[in-house]
Amino acid sequence: MLIYEELSNKIVTAYYNVLQVLGKGLAEKVYENALCIELNEMNIPYERQKPLSVEYKGQNVGNYFADILVDDKIIIELKAVSDITQEHIAQTLNYVNLTHSKVGYILNFGQQEGLGFKRLLGLAARE
C-alpha cells in the first residue's frame, strides 16, 4: 500500500495539470505558483517555502527552504532541469528527513524524457 496514496495521487494530478497547460522549461517559481493554484482548487493545505534548520550538537548550523510542504505530510521540491540528478534526490531526502516526513516528491518541469517526477521515502517511512 502506498503511503498517503490519495494525497500522492492528487499531487501527481496537479503536476500533470500544470505541465499540460504551461509545458516545460519555464522558471521553477512559475511552476510553484501554478502548482499552488492547483492545490488550492483541490482544497489541499500546504506551506510554501517551508523553513528548515539543520542542527549539530544542539546548535543551528544551516537553514534551507523546502519549496512546498503539503498537508504537513509530503515535501515537494520543484525543478526545471534536463534530468533529476543524485544531488536533487539527496537534497529532497534531506528535506524529508529534516521535517520528519515520510514522503517527498521531486517534480521536474524541465526538458527531460520520460517520467518527470520521482517519489522518495524518508527515514520516518522506514520505521
C-alpha atoms as a PDB file:
ATOM      1  CA  MET A   1       0.000   0.000   0.000  1.00  0.00           C
ATOM      2  CA  LEU A   2       1.269   3.455  -0.924  1.00  0.00           C
ATOM      3  CA  ILE A   3       1.899   5.867   1.970  1.00  0.00           C
ATOM      4  CA  TYR A   4      -0.545   8.802   1.655  1.00  0.00           C
ATOM      5  CA  GLU A   5      -1.928   7.290  -1.536  1.00  0.00           C
ATOM      6  CA  GLU A   6      -4.866   9.675  -2.035  1.00  0.00           C
ATOM      7  CA  LEU A   7      -2.801  12.779  -1.331  1.00  0.00           C
ATOM      8  CA  SER A   8       0.026  11.483  -3.530  1.00  0.00           C
ATOM      9  CA  ASN A   9      -2.381  10.893  -6.411  1.00  0.00           C
ATOM     10  CA  LYS A  10      -3.676  14.450  -6.088  1.00  0.00           C
ATOM     11  CA  ILE A  11      -0.132  15.866  -6.141  1.00  0.00           C
ATOM     12  CA  VAL A  12       0.694  13.913  -9.305  1.00  0.00           C
ATOM     13  CA  THR A  13      -2.584  15.047 -10.894  1.00  0.00           C
ATOM     14  CA  ALA A  14      -1.769  18.668 -10.028  1.00  0.00           C
ATOM     15  CA  TYR A  15       1.710  18.219 -11.535  1.00  0.00           C
ATOM     16  CA  TYR A  16       0.297  16.892 -14.813  1.00  0.00           C
ATOM     17  CA  ASN A  17      -2.362  19.631 -14.921  1.00  0.00           C
ATOM     18  CA  VAL A  18       0.329  22.321 -14.637  1.00  0.00           C
ATOM     19  CA  LEU A  19       2.575  20.579 -17.150  1.00  0.00           C
ATOM     20  CA  GLN A  20      -0.268  20.255 -19.647  1.00  0.00           C
ATOM     21  CA  VAL A  21      -1.109  23.969 -19.502  1.00  0.00           C
ATOM     22  CA  LEU A  22       2.347  25.538 -19.134  1.00  0.00           C
ATOM     23  CA  GLY A  23       4.567  22.983 -20.824  1.00  0.00           C
ATOM     24  CA  LYS A  24       8.236  22.523 -19.995  1.00  0.00           C
ATOM     25  CA  GLY A  25      11.153  24.866 -19.482  1.00  0.00           C
ATOM     26  CA  LEU A  26       9.851  27.882 -17.529  1.00  0.00           C
ATOM     27  CA  ALA A  27      11.300  29.099 -14.225  1.00  0.00           C
ATOM     28  CA  GLU A  28      10.704  26.986 -11.120  1.00  0.00           C
ATOM     29  CA  LYS A  29       8.869  29.862  -9.400  1.00  0.00           C
ATOM     30  CA  VAL A  30       6.281  29.912 -12.211  1.00  0.00           C
ATOM     31  CA  TYR A  31       5.575  26.232 -11.635  1.00  0.00           C
ATOM     32  CA  GLU A  32       5.452  26.755  -7.873  1.00  0.00           C
ATOM     33  CA  ASN A  33       2.810  29.456  -8.321  1.00  0.00           C
ATOM     34  CA  ALA A  34       0.777  27.311 -10.714  1.00  0.00           C
ATOM     35  CA  LEU A  35       1.041  24.191  -8.556  1.00  0.00           C
ATOM     36  CA  CYS A  36      -0.234  26.155  -5.561  1.00  0.00           C
ATOM     37  CA  ILE A  37      -3.267  27.230  -7.602  1.00  0.00           C
ATOM     38  CA  GLU A  38      -3.950  23.545  -8.320  1.00  0.00           C
ATOM     39  CA  LEU A  39      -3.560  22.616  -4.640  1.00  0.00           C
ATOM     40  CA  ASN A  40      -5.928  25.447  -3.665  1.00  0.00           C
ATOM     41  CA  GLU A  41      -8.528  24.222  -6.158  1.00  0.00           C
ATOM     42  CA  MET A  42      -8.240  20.723  -4.655  1.00  0.00           C
ATOM     43  CA  ASN A  43      -8.603  22.167  -1.120  1.00  0.00           C
ATOM     44  CA  ILE A  44      -5.253  20.700  -0.095  1.00  0.00           C
ATOM     45  CA  PRO A  45      -3.433  22.590   2.675  1.00  0.00           C
ATOM     46  CA  TYR A  46       0.203  23.436   2.030  1.00  0.00           C
ATOM     47  CA  GLU A  47       3.007  25.723   3.120  1.00  0.00           C
ATOM     48  CA  ARG A  48       5.286  27.404   0.589  1.00  0.00           C
ATOM     49  CA  GLN A  49       8.994  27.913   1.172  1.00  0.00           C
ATOM     50  CA  LYS A  50       8.903  25.878   4.386  1.00  0.00           C
ATOM     51  CA  PRO A  51      11.880  26.953   6.528  1.00  0.00           C
ATOM     52  CA  LEU A  52      14.133  24.115   7.667  1.00  0.00           C
ATOM     53  CA  SER A  53      17.046  24.316  10.051  1.00  0.00           C
ATOM     54  CA  VAL A  54      19.929  21.918  10.486  1.00  0.00           C
ATOM     55  CA  GLU A  55      21.256  21.403  13.994  1.00  0.00           C
ATOM     56  CA  TYR A  56      24.541  19.967  15.112  1.00  0.00           C
ATOM     57  CA  LYS A  57      25.089  19.285  18.803  1.00  0.00           C
ATOM     58  CA  GLY A  58      22.121  21.475  19.636  1.00  0.00           C
ATOM     59  CA  GLN A  59      23.231  24.440  17.548  1.00  0.00           C
ATOM     60  CA  ASN A  60      21.849  25.716  14.288  1.00  0.00           C
ATOM     61  CA  VAL A  61      24.445  25.224  11.549  1.00  0.00           C
ATOM     62  CA  GLY A  62      22.335  25.976   8.485  1.00  0.00           C
ATOM     63  CA  ASN A  63      18.968  26.978   7.098  1.00  0.00           C
ATOM     64  CA  TYR A  64      17.135  25.806   3.997  1.00  0.00           C
ATOM     65  CA  PHE A  65      13.720  26.242   2.427  1.00  0.00           C
ATOM     66  CA  ALA A  66      11.682  23.383   1.009  1.00  0.00           C
ATOM     67  CA  ASP A  67       9.547  24.505  -1.931  1.00  0.00           C
ATOM     68  CA  ILE A  68       6.227  23.141  -0.634  1.00  0.00           C
ATOM     69  CA  LEU A  69       5.102  21.082   2.362  1.00  0.00           C
ATOM     70  CA  VAL A  70       1.711  19.531   1.590  1.00  0.00           C
ATOM     71  CA  ASP A  71      -0.706  18.873   4.459  1.00  0.00           C
ATOM     72  CA  ASP A  72       2.240  18.632   6.900  1.00  0.00           C
ATOM     73  CA  LYS A  73       2.986  15.245   5.292  1.00  0.00           C
ATOM     74  CA  ILE A  74       4.699  15.453   1.904  1.00  0.00           C
ATOM     75  CA  ILE A  75       7.658  17.573   0.790  1.00  0.00           C
ATOM     76  CA  ILE A  76       7.637  18.776  -2.809  1.00  0.00           C
ATOM     77  CA  GLU A  77      10.782  20.027  -4.491  1.00  0.00           C
ATOM     78  CA  LEU A  78      10.329  21.655  -7.874  1.00  0.00           C
ATOM     79  CA  LYS A  79      12.916  21.520 -10.635  1.00  0.00           C
ATOM     80  CA  ALA A  80      13.107  22.714 -14.228  1.00  0.00           C
ATOM     81  CA  VAL A  81      16.172  20.760 -15.330  1.00  0.00           C
ATOM     82  CA  SER A  82      17.070  18.275 -18.049  1.00  0.00           C
ATOM     83  CA  ASP A  83      17.389  15.363 -15.609  1.00  0.00           C
ATOM     84  CA  ILE A  84      16.769  14.627 -11.957  1.00  0.00           C
ATOM     85  CA  THR A  85      20.223  14.002 -10.508  1.00  0.00           C
ATOM     86  CA  GLN A  86      21.543  12.276  -7.404  1.00  0.00           C
ATOM     87  CA  GLU A  87      22.088  15.743  -5.917  1.00  0.00           C
ATOM     88  CA  HIS A  88      18.379  16.556  -6.335  1.00  0.00           C
ATOM     89  CA  ILE A  89      17.473  13.251  -4.717  1.00  0.00           C
ATOM     90  CA  ALA A  90      19.853  13.855  -1.786  1.00  0.00           C
ATOM     91  CA  GLN A  91      18.526  17.407  -1.303  1.00  0.00           C
ATOM     92  CA  THR A  92      14.914  16.257  -1.253  1.00  0.00           C
ATOM     93  CA  LEU A  93      15.624  13.345   1.074  1.00  0.00           C
ATOM     94  CA  ASN A  94      17.392  15.724   3.441  1.00  0.00           C
ATOM     95  CA  TYR A  95      14.326  17.973   3.468  1.00  0.00           C
ATOM     96  CA  VAL A  96      12.016  14.996   4.015  1.00  0.00           C
ATOM     97  CA  ASN A  97      14.135  13.807   6.934  1.00  0.00           C
ATOM     98  CA  LEU A  98      14.535  17.286   8.457  1.00  0.00           C
ATOM     99  CA  THR A  99      10.739  17.631   8.589  1.00  0.00           C
ATOM    100  CA  HIS A 100      10.290  14.040   9.791  1.00  0.00           C
ATOM    101  CA  SER A 101       8.026  13.474   6.798  1.00  0.00           C
ATOM    102  CA  LYS A 102       7.587  10.072   5.240  1.00  0.00           C
ATOM    103  CA  VAL A 103       7.335  11.058   1.576  1.00  0.00           C
ATOM    104  CA  GLY A 104       8.893  13.529  -0.807  1.00  0.00           C
ATOM    105  CA  TYR A 105       8.391  14.287  -4.479  1.00  0.00           C
ATOM    106  CA  ILE A 106      10.707  15.871  -6.978  1.00  0.00           C
ATOM    107  CA  LEU A 107       8.507  17.384  -9.678  1.00  0.00           C
ATOM    108  CA  ASN A 108      10.592  18.239 -12.731  1.00  0.00           C
ATOM    109  CA  PHE A 109       9.246  20.634 -15.353  1.00  0.00           C
ATOM    110  CA  GLY A 110      12.434  20.572 -17.437  1.00  0.00           C
ATOM    111  CA  GLN A 111      13.062  19.094 -20.858  1.00  0.00           C
ATOM    112  CA  GLN A 112      13.676  15.541 -19.638  1.00  0.00           C
ATOM    113  CA  GLU A 113      12.498  12.440 -21.429  1.00  0.00           C
ATOM    114  CA  GLY A 114      10.174  10.030 -19.695  1.00  0.00           C
ATOM    115  CA  LEU A 115       8.757  10.309 -16.186  1.00  0.00           C
ATOM    116  CA  GLY A 116       9.103  13.847 -14.861  1.00  0.00           C
ATOM    117  CA  PHE A 117       8.747  13.140 -11.169  1.00  0.00           C
ATOM    118  CA  LYS A 118      10.332  10.965  -8.528  1.00  0.00           C
ATOM    119  CA  ARG A 119       8.740   9.740  -5.288  1.00  0.00           C
ATOM    120  CA  LEU A 120      11.084   9.280  -2.338  1.00  0.00           C
ATOM    121  CA  LEU A 121      10.615   7.707   1.084  1.00  0.00           C
ATOM    122  CA  GLY A 122      12.218   9.292   4.125  1.00  0.00           C
ATOM    123  CA  LEU A 123      13.577   7.633   7.230  1.00  0.00           C
ATOM    124  CA  ALA A 124      10.235   8.042   9.046  1.00  0.00           C
ATOM    125  CA  ALA A 125       8.577   5.796   6.438  1.00  0.00           C
ATOM    126  CA  ARG A 126      11.008   3.001   7.246  1.00  0.00           C
ATOM    127  CA  GLU A 127      10.389   2.982  10.992  1.00  0.00           C
END
